[in-house]
């Protein structure tokens, strides 16, 4: 075997090994993030709700959003694409090599309660604070108990030095104080959520409901044709 051919073979072998390592690392980051589904920006039907700020959403996939620990608030009616697009931004961050922590606020409250019971709250906090992007879905769906609200406030306070965050909510901002049992804590937490935040309002029809309506129409037409 000629030396040049041998060198090319070794280089090709190393490249394949590096590709395999990158693939394994990507799979580990996806597993760590605990995405409820692998939703991508490419798979989203942007034409259904043309008022969704597409360019602003895509801008959140830039390195600047993560590196400067910014916040994006996805606010609007249920079914308008907030969770899908938040997950899409999260998956893009994972592909860029970032660790992502994805959870619903309800599940986070349960995780905090379990961690406190197991005396492992520091471990949970370290896990979250080791990530460069947090996705907190469905803010305001459940009211928080005093202990959970205090810990979540602590996380929000420490996040600004560690991670970017995307938070989705169906509730009007005026109703957010109801999530916390303490009005003082509520005001302080909300202040931290809106600190240099980019607010994206989602309007229009329900993306999820569209599929159900279309299905019922097809079923109804099929029934009439029999």
Foldseek 3Di string as FASTA:
>chain_A
DDPVVVVVVVVVVVVVVVVVVLVVQLVVLVVLQPQVDQAAPVPDDCVQQVLFPSVVLVVCLDPVLLVQQAEAEEEAAPQLCQSSSLSNSVSSVSNVPFREHEDELVVQLVVCVVCVVVVNNVVVLVSHLRTSEYEYEAQPPAAHDAVSLVVVLVSLVVSSVGYHYYYYYHDDPVCQCRSYPDNVSSVSSVCSNVDNYHYTYGDDDRNVVVVVVVVVVVVVVVVVVD
